[in-house]
């Protein structure tokens, strides 16, 4: 493999790694916001998790997983 291909592959790995960390940070921020929002309407049990996938079409699919043991009237703060 020539040097330019090695450099291109190395750059690709760095960019993909940066993208993974960006998604992890976004997921963590969204988890906190979604947890707060859902807690106004229900009693959550356990953690809220968010997974962001990129579809072949280039769109993002966002999956939210949360469990609650009771739904209640909104709490106004």
C-alpha atoms as a PDB file:
ATOM      1  CA  UNK A   1       0.000   0.000   0.000  1.00  0.00           C
ATOM      2  CA  UNK A   2       1.460   3.344  -0.921  1.00  0.00           C
ATOM      3  CA  UNK A   3       1.948   6.154   1.544  1.00  0.00           C
ATOM      4  CA  UNK A   4      -0.989   8.286   0.337  1.00  0.00           C
ATOM      5  CA  UNK A   5      -3.415   5.393   0.874  1.00  0.00           C
ATOM      6  CA  UNK A   6      -2.023   4.832   4.360  1.00  0.00           C
ATOM      7  CA  UNK A   7      -2.507   8.505   5.187  1.00  0.00           C
ATOM      8  CA  UNK A   8      -6.050   8.436   3.773  1.00  0.00           C
ATOM      9  CA  UNK A   9      -6.905   5.351   5.822  1.00  0.00           C
ATOM     10  CA  UNK A  10      -5.456   6.907   8.970  1.00  0.00           C
ATOM     11  CA  UNK A  11      -7.466  10.103   8.401  1.00  0.00           C
ATOM     12  CA  UNK A  12     -10.625   8.073   7.820  1.00  0.00           C
ATOM     13  CA  UNK A  13     -10.103   6.239  11.134  1.00  0.00           C
ATOM     14  CA  UNK A  14      -9.608   9.546  12.983  1.00  0.00           C
ATOM     15  CA  UNK A  15     -12.739  11.084  11.449  1.00  0.00           C
ATOM     16  CA  UNK A  16     -14.846   8.014  12.223  1.00  0.00           C
ATOM     17  CA  UNK A  17     -13.595   8.006  15.809  1.00  0.00           C
ATOM     18  CA  UNK A  18     -14.446  11.717  16.194  1.00  0.00           C
ATOM     19  CA  UNK A  19     -17.912  11.012  14.836  1.00  0.00           C
ATOM     20  CA  UNK A  20     -18.426   8.213  17.369  1.00  0.00           C
ATOM     21  CA  UNK A  21     -17.445  10.507  20.256  1.00  0.00           C
ATOM     22  CA  UNK A  22     -19.738  13.267  18.943  1.00  0.00           C
ATOM     23  CA  UNK A  23     -22.679  10.851  18.858  1.00  0.00           C
ATOM     24  CA  UNK A  24     -21.867   9.607  22.348  1.00  0.00           C
ATOM     25  CA  UNK A  25     -21.878  13.186  23.654  1.00  0.00           C
ATOM     26  CA  UNK A  26     -25.112  13.969  21.841  1.00  0.00           C
ATOM     27  CA  UNK A  27     -26.710  10.769  23.141  1.00  0.00           C
ATOM     28  CA  UNK A  28     -25.748  11.573  26.737  1.00  0.00           C
ATOM     29  CA  UNK A  29     -27.091  15.131  26.466  1.00  0.00           C
ATOM     30  CA  UNK A  30     -30.351  13.900  24.937  1.00  0.00           C
ATOM     31  CA  UNK A  31     -30.716  11.214  27.606  1.00  0.00           C
ATOM     32  CA  UNK A  32     -30.627  13.854  30.330  1.00  0.00           C
ATOM     33  CA  UNK A  33     -33.134  16.093  28.545  1.00  0.00           C
ATOM     34  CA  UNK A  34     -35.506  13.239  27.707  1.00  0.00           C
ATOM     35  CA  UNK A  35     -35.279  11.897  31.277  1.00  0.00           C
ATOM     36  CA  UNK A  36     -36.262  15.315  32.620  1.00  0.00           C
ATOM     37  CA  UNK A  37     -39.126  15.713  30.136  1.00  0.00           C
ATOM     38  CA  UNK A  38     -40.556  12.242  30.744  1.00  0.00           C
ATOM     39  CA  UNK A  39     -40.300  12.649  34.511  1.00  0.00           C
ATOM     40  CA  UNK A  40     -42.839  15.490  34.287  1.00  0.00           C
ATOM     41  CA  UNK A  41     -45.426  12.997  33.006  1.00  0.00           C
ATOM     42  CA  UNK A  42     -44.500   9.663  34.595  1.00  0.00           C
ATOM     43  CA  UNK A  43     -42.520   7.935  37.295  1.00  0.00           C
ATOM     44  CA  UNK A  44     -39.482   6.532  35.537  1.00  0.00           C
ATOM     45  CA  UNK A  45     -37.956   3.241  36.590  1.00  0.00           C
ATOM     46  CA  UNK A  46     -34.288   2.897  35.725  1.00  0.00           C
ATOM     47  CA  UNK A  47     -32.294   4.752  33.120  1.00  0.00           C
ATOM     48  CA  UNK A  48     -33.327   6.354  29.847  1.00  0.00           C
ATOM     49  CA  UNK A  49     -31.197   5.237  26.928  1.00  0.00           C
ATOM     50  CA  UNK A  50     -30.928   6.716  23.451  1.00  0.00           C
ATOM     51  CA  UNK A  51     -29.337   5.104  20.436  1.00  0.00           C
ATOM     52  CA  UNK A  52     -28.726   7.056  17.220  1.00  0.00           C
ATOM     53  CA  UNK A  53     -28.204   5.077  14.012  1.00  0.00           C
ATOM     54  CA  UNK A  54     -27.463   6.339  10.507  1.00  0.00           C
ATOM     55  CA  UNK A  55     -29.604   4.603   7.904  1.00  0.00           C
ATOM     56  CA  UNK A  56     -28.392   3.727   4.419  1.00  0.00           C
ATOM     57  CA  UNK A  57     -30.489   6.638   3.113  1.00  0.00           C
ATOM     58  CA  UNK A  58     -28.438   9.066   5.257  1.00  0.00           C
ATOM     59  CA  UNK A  59     -31.303   9.709   7.693  1.00  0.00           C
ATOM     60  CA  UNK A  60     -30.920   9.270  11.427  1.00  0.00           C
ATOM     61  CA  UNK A  61     -32.989   6.787  13.398  1.00  0.00           C
ATOM     62  CA  UNK A  62     -33.302   7.685  17.072  1.00  0.00           C
ATOM     63  CA  UNK A  63     -34.411   4.954  19.464  1.00  0.00           C
ATOM     64  CA  UNK A  64     -35.436   5.919  22.989  1.00  0.00           C
ATOM     65  CA  UNK A  65     -35.828   3.295  25.690  1.00  0.00           C
ATOM     66  CA  UNK A  66     -37.432   4.172  29.015  1.00  0.00           C
ATOM     67  CA  UNK A  67     -39.574   2.363  31.583  1.00  0.00           C
ATOM     68  CA  UNK A  68     -42.191   3.896  33.854  1.00  0.00           C
ATOM     69  CA  UNK A  69     -44.389   2.413  36.554  1.00  0.00           C
ATOM     70  CA  UNK A  70     -46.968   5.203  36.649  1.00  0.00           C
ATOM     71  CA  UNK A  71     -48.274   7.954  34.393  1.00  0.00           C
ATOM     72  CA  UNK A  72     -49.441  11.080  36.177  1.00  0.00           C
ATOM     73  CA  UNK A  73     -50.632  14.609  35.565  1.00  0.00           C
ATOM     74  CA  UNK A  74     -47.841  16.939  34.408  1.00  0.00           C
ATOM     75  CA  UNK A  75     -45.817  18.461  37.211  1.00  0.00           C
ATOM     76  CA  UNK A  76     -45.385  22.189  36.759  1.00  0.00           C
ATOM     77  CA  UNK A  77     -42.205  23.590  38.226  1.00  0.00           C
END
